[in-house]
């Protein structure tokens, strides 16, 4: 178990220029509050961390997270009520998984 303050969920971004994914470019920007209203009842509470992990895994498929993906992750964490420590552990594990 990790000790000390929770780390940021944003892993190191590569210095190269990130190219937005087609998915990110096609998703209209919406306020977190409007998404929160639409999300109610869509994801059962017990599956929130799993849904968060699947989304992170997909975004890390290219080995890094763009600034847009990091913003999306932070908003998704809030919407799904995933605590910061759990989110950080998920990102850490999936960063290692997708590093190769």
C-alpha atoms as a PDB file:
ATOM      1  CA  UNK A   1       0.000   0.000   0.000  1.00  0.00           C
ATOM      2  CA  UNK A   2       1.360   3.395  -0.984  1.00  0.00           C
ATOM      3  CA  UNK A   3       2.111   5.838   1.788  1.00  0.00           C
ATOM      4  CA  UNK A   4       2.125   9.595   1.684  1.00  0.00           C
ATOM      5  CA  UNK A   5      -0.119  12.027  -0.123  1.00  0.00           C
ATOM      6  CA  UNK A   6      -2.022  10.780  -3.191  1.00  0.00           C
ATOM      7  CA  UNK A   7      -0.213  11.493  -6.422  1.00  0.00           C
ATOM      8  CA  UNK A   8      -1.736  13.307  -9.335  1.00  0.00           C
ATOM      9  CA  UNK A   9      -3.553  10.970 -11.725  1.00  0.00           C
ATOM     10  CA  UNK A  10      -1.816  12.551 -14.695  1.00  0.00           C
ATOM     11  CA  UNK A  11       1.211  10.497 -15.731  1.00  0.00           C
ATOM     12  CA  UNK A  12       4.158  12.146 -17.451  1.00  0.00           C
ATOM     13  CA  UNK A  13       3.179  13.426 -20.899  1.00  0.00           C
ATOM     14  CA  UNK A  14       5.642  12.690 -23.693  1.00  0.00           C
ATOM     15  CA  UNK A  15       7.348  15.750 -25.142  1.00  0.00           C
ATOM     16  CA  UNK A  16       6.116  14.941 -28.628  1.00  0.00           C
ATOM     17  CA  UNK A  17       3.027  16.681 -29.899  1.00  0.00           C
ATOM     18  CA  UNK A  18      -0.111  14.762 -29.068  1.00  0.00           C
ATOM     19  CA  UNK A  19      -2.545  14.115 -31.893  1.00  0.00           C
ATOM     20  CA  UNK A  20      -6.169  14.171 -30.705  1.00  0.00           C
ATOM     21  CA  UNK A  21      -7.957  10.905 -31.285  1.00  0.00           C
ATOM     22  CA  UNK A  22     -10.957  10.790 -33.608  1.00  0.00           C
ATOM     23  CA  UNK A  23     -13.154  10.056 -30.615  1.00  0.00           C
ATOM     24  CA  UNK A  24     -11.960  13.100 -28.711  1.00  0.00           C
ATOM     25  CA  UNK A  25     -12.464  15.337 -31.742  1.00  0.00           C
ATOM     26  CA  UNK A  26     -16.012  14.096 -32.298  1.00  0.00           C
ATOM     27  CA  UNK A  27     -17.195  14.524 -28.695  1.00  0.00           C
ATOM     28  CA  UNK A  28     -18.715  17.975 -28.190  1.00  0.00           C
ATOM     29  CA  UNK A  29     -17.517  19.879 -25.144  1.00  0.00           C
ATOM     30  CA  UNK A  30     -20.205  19.801 -22.492  1.00  0.00           C
ATOM     31  CA  UNK A  31     -20.267  21.096 -18.975  1.00  0.00           C
ATOM     32  CA  UNK A  32     -19.587  18.611 -16.219  1.00  0.00           C
ATOM     33  CA  UNK A  33     -22.928  19.445 -14.612  1.00  0.00           C
ATOM     34  CA  UNK A  34     -24.880  18.650 -17.796  1.00  0.00           C
ATOM     35  CA  UNK A  35     -23.026  15.355 -18.161  1.00  0.00           C
ATOM     36  CA  UNK A  36     -23.630  14.543 -14.485  1.00  0.00           C
ATOM     37  CA  UNK A  37     -27.388  14.927 -15.000  1.00  0.00           C
ATOM     38  CA  UNK A  38     -27.330  12.628 -18.036  1.00  0.00           C
ATOM     39  CA  UNK A  39     -25.129  10.030 -16.304  1.00  0.00           C
ATOM     40  CA  UNK A  40     -27.465   9.386 -13.392  1.00  0.00           C
ATOM     41  CA  UNK A  41     -28.512   5.767 -13.405  1.00  0.00           C
ATOM     42  CA  UNK A  42     -26.374   4.850 -16.432  1.00  0.00           C
ATOM     43  CA  UNK A  43     -23.436   3.361 -14.504  1.00  0.00           C
ATOM     44  CA  UNK A  44     -24.096   1.384 -11.333  1.00  0.00           C
ATOM     45  CA  UNK A  45     -21.999   2.637  -8.424  1.00  0.00           C
ATOM     46  CA  UNK A  46     -20.224  -0.712  -8.032  1.00  0.00           C
ATOM     47  CA  UNK A  47     -19.025  -0.544 -11.669  1.00  0.00           C
ATOM     48  CA  UNK A  48     -17.789   3.062 -11.635  1.00  0.00           C
ATOM     49  CA  UNK A  49     -14.108   2.192 -11.073  1.00  0.00           C
ATOM     50  CA  UNK A  50     -14.319  -0.523 -13.744  1.00  0.00           C
ATOM     51  CA  UNK A  51     -15.800   1.887 -16.293  1.00  0.00           C
ATOM     52  CA  UNK A  52     -13.109   4.412 -15.400  1.00  0.00           C
ATOM     53  CA  UNK A  53     -10.371   1.775 -15.838  1.00  0.00           C
ATOM     54  CA  UNK A  54     -11.659   0.658 -19.246  1.00  0.00           C
ATOM     55  CA  UNK A  55     -11.694   4.270 -20.475  1.00  0.00           C
ATOM     56  CA  UNK A  56      -8.133   4.838 -19.188  1.00  0.00           C
ATOM     57  CA  UNK A  57      -6.952   1.619 -20.809  1.00  0.00           C
ATOM     58  CA  UNK A  58      -8.328   2.717 -24.180  1.00  0.00           C
ATOM     59  CA  UNK A  59      -6.799   6.182 -23.911  1.00  0.00           C
ATOM     60  CA  UNK A  60      -3.398   4.741 -22.966  1.00  0.00           C
ATOM     61  CA  UNK A  61      -3.328   2.362 -25.940  1.00  0.00           C
ATOM     62  CA  UNK A  62      -0.809   4.663 -27.656  1.00  0.00           C
ATOM     63  CA  UNK A  63       1.336   4.825 -24.507  1.00  0.00           C
ATOM     64  CA  UNK A  64       0.576   8.371 -23.391  1.00  0.00           C
ATOM     65  CA  UNK A  65      -2.221  10.760 -22.472  1.00  0.00           C
ATOM     66  CA  UNK A  66      -2.731  14.030 -24.303  1.00  0.00           C
ATOM     67  CA  UNK A  67      -3.811  17.157 -22.452  1.00  0.00           C
ATOM     68  CA  UNK A  68      -7.356  16.649 -23.780  1.00  0.00           C
ATOM     69  CA  UNK A  69      -7.378  13.060 -22.554  1.00  0.00           C
ATOM     70  CA  UNK A  70      -6.156  14.151 -19.110  1.00  0.00           C
ATOM     71  CA  UNK A  71      -8.951  16.725 -18.901  1.00  0.00           C
ATOM     72  CA  UNK A  72     -11.466  14.074 -19.982  1.00  0.00           C
ATOM     73  CA  UNK A  73     -10.124  11.653 -17.348  1.00  0.00           C
ATOM     74  CA  UNK A  74     -10.417  14.209 -14.568  1.00  0.00           C
ATOM     75  CA  UNK A  75     -13.994  15.052 -15.566  1.00  0.00           C
ATOM     76  CA  UNK A  76     -14.874  11.369 -15.855  1.00  0.00           C
ATOM     77  CA  UNK A  77     -13.420  10.653 -12.402  1.00  0.00           C
ATOM     78  CA  UNK A  78     -15.637  13.346 -10.899  1.00  0.00           C
ATOM     79  CA  UNK A  79     -18.713  12.191 -12.814  1.00  0.00           C
ATOM     80  CA  UNK A  80     -18.237   8.575 -11.750  1.00  0.00           C
ATOM     81  CA  UNK A  81     -17.362   9.526  -8.151  1.00  0.00           C
ATOM     82  CA  UNK A  82     -14.068   7.626  -8.283  1.00  0.00           C
ATOM     83  CA  UNK A  83     -11.832   8.837  -5.460  1.00  0.00           C
ATOM     84  CA  UNK A  84      -8.435  10.338  -6.322  1.00  0.00           C
ATOM     85  CA  UNK A  85      -6.388   7.554  -4.736  1.00  0.00           C
ATOM     86  CA  UNK A  86      -8.233   4.809  -6.623  1.00  0.00           C
ATOM     87  CA  UNK A  87      -7.954   6.783  -9.857  1.00  0.00           C
ATOM     88  CA  UNK A  88      -4.206   7.257  -9.332  1.00  0.00           C
ATOM     89  CA  UNK A  89      -3.701   3.521  -8.751  1.00  0.00           C
ATOM     90  CA  UNK A  90      -5.699   2.667 -11.883  1.00  0.00           C
ATOM     91  CA  UNK A  91      -3.660   5.101 -13.991  1.00  0.00           C
ATOM     92  CA  UNK A  92      -0.375   3.806 -12.513  1.00  0.00           C
ATOM     93  CA  UNK A  93      -1.170   0.166 -13.287  1.00  0.00           C
ATOM     94  CA  UNK A  94      -2.501   0.846 -16.775  1.00  0.00           C
ATOM     95  CA  UNK A  95       0.459   3.103 -17.615  1.00  0.00           C
ATOM     96  CA  UNK A  96       2.766   0.179 -16.804  1.00  0.00           C
ATOM     97  CA  UNK A  97       0.538  -2.227 -18.771  1.00  0.00           C
ATOM     98  CA  UNK A  98       0.547  -0.023 -21.877  1.00  0.00           C
ATOM     99  CA  UNK A  99       4.207   1.047 -21.711  1.00  0.00           C
ATOM    100  CA  UNK A 100       5.454  -1.812 -23.906  1.00  0.00           C
END
